Amino acid sequence: MNSQIIPNWPVPMYVQLARCLEAEAACLTPGGRLPSEHDLMNAYRVSRTTVRRALAVLERHGRVLRVHGSGTFVSDAGGSPASSPSAGE
């Protein structure tokens, strides 16, 4: 999480964050858990709305699976949700 989000850059902050998170997710195995929204807010110094929009982009593209109350998990390479114990609930 060493990447910085540039507030006044022409690319929206949530897109910049989505790119950073996609790179981070690539380092995790399918089913691996991404940091919480709160942890991402603190690490990247962005609002919760920015974090949620970035995660929504990744979810739409099949990169992650968001499980309410459990977290955000890396999908498998085919874009389908990885089988993790909490992903099936």
C-alpha atoms as a PDB file:
ATOM      1  CA  MET A   1       0.000   0.000   0.000  1.00  0.00           C
ATOM      2  CA  ASN A   2       2.769   2.413  -0.858  1.00  0.00           C
ATOM      3  CA  SER A   3       0.942   4.032  -3.766  1.00  0.00           C
ATOM      4  CA  GLN A   4      -0.352   7.531  -3.335  1.00  0.00           C
ATOM      5  CA  ILE A   5      -3.673   8.894  -4.498  1.00  0.00           C
ATOM      6  CA  ILE A   6      -3.296  12.291  -6.179  1.00  0.00           C
ATOM      7  CA  PRO A   7      -6.360  14.449  -5.365  1.00  0.00           C
ATOM      8  CA  ASN A   8      -6.121  16.991  -8.209  1.00  0.00           C
ATOM      9  CA  TRP A   9      -5.125  14.557 -10.922  1.00  0.00           C
ATOM     10  CA  PRO A  10      -7.459  14.246 -13.957  1.00  0.00           C
ATOM     11  CA  VAL A  11      -8.168  10.584 -13.090  1.00  0.00           C
ATOM     12  CA  PRO A  12     -10.821  10.308 -10.350  1.00  0.00           C
ATOM     13  CA  MET A  13      -9.510   9.248  -6.965  1.00  0.00           C
ATOM     14  CA  TYR A  14     -11.679   6.127  -6.837  1.00  0.00           C
ATOM     15  CA  VAL A  15     -10.215   4.965 -10.174  1.00  0.00           C
ATOM     16  CA  GLN A  16      -6.680   5.547  -8.886  1.00  0.00           C
ATOM     17  CA  LEU A  17      -7.539   3.581  -5.742  1.00  0.00           C
ATOM     18  CA  ALA A  18      -9.137   0.765  -7.744  1.00  0.00           C
ATOM     19  CA  ARG A  19      -5.905   0.423  -9.729  1.00  0.00           C
ATOM     20  CA  CYS A  20      -3.849   0.304  -6.533  1.00  0.00           C
ATOM     21  CA  LEU A  21      -6.162  -2.281  -4.994  1.00  0.00           C
ATOM     22  CA  GLU A  22      -6.143  -4.383  -8.145  1.00  0.00           C
ATOM     23  CA  ALA A  23      -2.343  -4.518  -7.961  1.00  0.00           C
ATOM     24  CA  GLU A  24      -2.565  -5.411  -4.269  1.00  0.00           C
ATOM     25  CA  ALA A  25      -5.144  -8.128  -4.974  1.00  0.00           C
ATOM     26  CA  ALA A  26      -2.866  -9.607  -7.643  1.00  0.00           C
ATOM     27  CA  CYS A  27      -0.345 -10.353  -4.894  1.00  0.00           C
ATOM     28  CA  LEU A  28      -2.921 -12.333  -2.909  1.00  0.00           C
ATOM     29  CA  THR A  29      -4.151 -15.845  -3.580  1.00  0.00           C
ATOM     30  CA  PRO A  30      -7.780 -16.330  -4.637  1.00  0.00           C
ATOM     31  CA  GLY A  31      -9.925 -16.120  -1.539  1.00  0.00           C
ATOM     32  CA  GLY A  32      -7.404 -13.819   0.138  1.00  0.00           C
ATOM     33  CA  ARG A  33      -8.935 -10.993   2.115  1.00  0.00           C
ATOM     34  CA  LEU A  34      -8.305  -7.334   1.321  1.00  0.00           C
ATOM     35  CA  PRO A  35      -7.982  -4.838   4.187  1.00  0.00           C
ATOM     36  CA  SER A  36     -11.178  -3.429   5.682  1.00  0.00           C
ATOM     37  CA  GLU A  37     -12.742  -0.226   4.351  1.00  0.00           C
ATOM     38  CA  HIS A  38     -11.553   1.581   7.461  1.00  0.00           C
ATOM     39  CA  ASP A  39      -7.974   0.336   7.014  1.00  0.00           C
ATOM     40  CA  LEU A  40      -8.016   1.383   3.345  1.00  0.00           C
ATOM     41  CA  MET A  41      -9.329   4.837   4.287  1.00  0.00           C
ATOM     42  CA  ASN A  42      -6.433   5.311   6.687  1.00  0.00           C
ATOM     43  CA  ALA A  43      -3.775   3.811   4.427  1.00  0.00           C
ATOM     44  CA  TYR A  44      -4.688   5.860   1.358  1.00  0.00           C
ATOM     45  CA  ARG A  45      -6.084   8.912   3.184  1.00  0.00           C
ATOM     46  CA  VAL A  46      -9.354   8.894   1.260  1.00  0.00           C
ATOM     47  CA  SER A  47     -13.031   8.962   2.234  1.00  0.00           C
ATOM     48  CA  ARG A  48     -15.195   5.892   2.790  1.00  0.00           C
ATOM     49  CA  THR A  49     -17.151   6.843  -0.345  1.00  0.00           C
ATOM     50  CA  THR A  50     -13.953   6.707  -2.414  1.00  0.00           C
ATOM     51  CA  VAL A  51     -13.084   3.287  -0.977  1.00  0.00           C
ATOM     52  CA  ARG A  52     -16.576   1.938  -1.628  1.00  0.00           C
ATOM     53  CA  ARG A  53     -16.625   3.220  -5.207  1.00  0.00           C
ATOM     54  CA  ALA A  54     -13.207   1.668  -5.891  1.00  0.00           C
ATOM     55  CA  LEU A  55     -14.313  -1.682  -4.456  1.00  0.00           C
ATOM     56  CA  ALA A  56     -17.532  -1.516  -6.491  1.00  0.00           C
ATOM     57  CA  VAL A  57     -15.488  -1.079  -9.682  1.00  0.00           C
ATOM     58  CA  LEU A  58     -13.372  -4.117  -8.824  1.00  0.00           C
ATOM     59  CA  GLU A  59     -16.467  -6.138  -7.968  1.00  0.00           C
ATOM     60  CA  ARG A  60     -18.137  -5.212 -11.284  1.00  0.00           C
ATOM     61  CA  HIS A  61     -15.029  -6.388 -13.132  1.00  0.00           C
ATOM     62  CA  GLY A  62     -14.983  -9.674 -11.215  1.00  0.00           C
ATOM     63  CA  ARG A  63     -11.711  -8.968  -9.421  1.00  0.00           C
ATOM     64  CA  VAL A  64     -13.133  -9.180  -5.894  1.00  0.00           C
ATOM     65  CA  LEU A  65     -16.134 -10.541  -4.045  1.00  0.00           C
ATOM     66  CA  ARG A  66     -17.672  -8.418  -1.311  1.00  0.00           C
ATOM     67  CA  VAL A  67     -19.437 -10.326   1.456  1.00  0.00           C
ATOM     68  CA  HIS A  68     -21.539  -8.163   3.766  1.00  0.00           C
ATOM     69  CA  GLY A  69     -20.231  -8.462   7.317  1.00  0.00           C
ATOM     70  CA  SER A  70     -17.240 -10.583   6.298  1.00  0.00           C
ATOM     71  CA  GLY A  71     -15.045  -8.474   4.032  1.00  0.00           C
ATOM     72  CA  THR A  72     -13.732  -8.236   0.507  1.00  0.00           C
ATOM     73  CA  PHE A  73     -12.034 -11.260  -1.019  1.00  0.00           C
ATOM     74  CA  VAL A  74      -9.939 -11.808  -4.157  1.00  0.00           C
ATOM     75  CA  SER A  75     -11.762 -13.685  -6.924  1.00  0.00           C
ATOM     76  CA  ASP A  76     -10.072 -16.449  -8.859  1.00  0.00           C
ATOM     77  CA  ALA A  77      -8.330 -15.772 -12.184  1.00  0.00           C
ATOM     78  CA  GLY A  78     -11.511 -16.482 -14.171  1.00  0.00           C
ATOM     79  CA  GLY A  79     -13.346 -13.667 -12.455  1.00  0.00           C
ATOM     80  CA  SER A  80     -15.605 -15.922 -10.421  1.00  0.00           C
ATOM     81  CA  PRO A  81     -15.661 -15.772  -6.644  1.00  0.00           C
ATOM     82  CA  ALA A  82     -12.973 -17.851  -5.048  1.00  0.00           C
ATOM     83  CA  SER A  83     -14.212 -20.537  -2.742  1.00  0.00           C
ATOM     84  CA  SER A  84     -13.583 -19.322   0.749  1.00  0.00           C
ATOM     85  CA  PRO A  85     -15.456 -20.326   3.877  1.00  0.00           C
ATOM     86  CA  SER A  86     -17.069 -16.930   4.321  1.00  0.00           C
ATOM     87  CA  ALA A  87     -17.811 -16.368   0.634  1.00  0.00           C
ATOM     88  CA  GLY A  88     -20.543 -19.000   0.604  1.00  0.00           C
ATOM     89  CA  GLU A  89     -22.570 -17.531   3.463  1.00  0.00           C
END
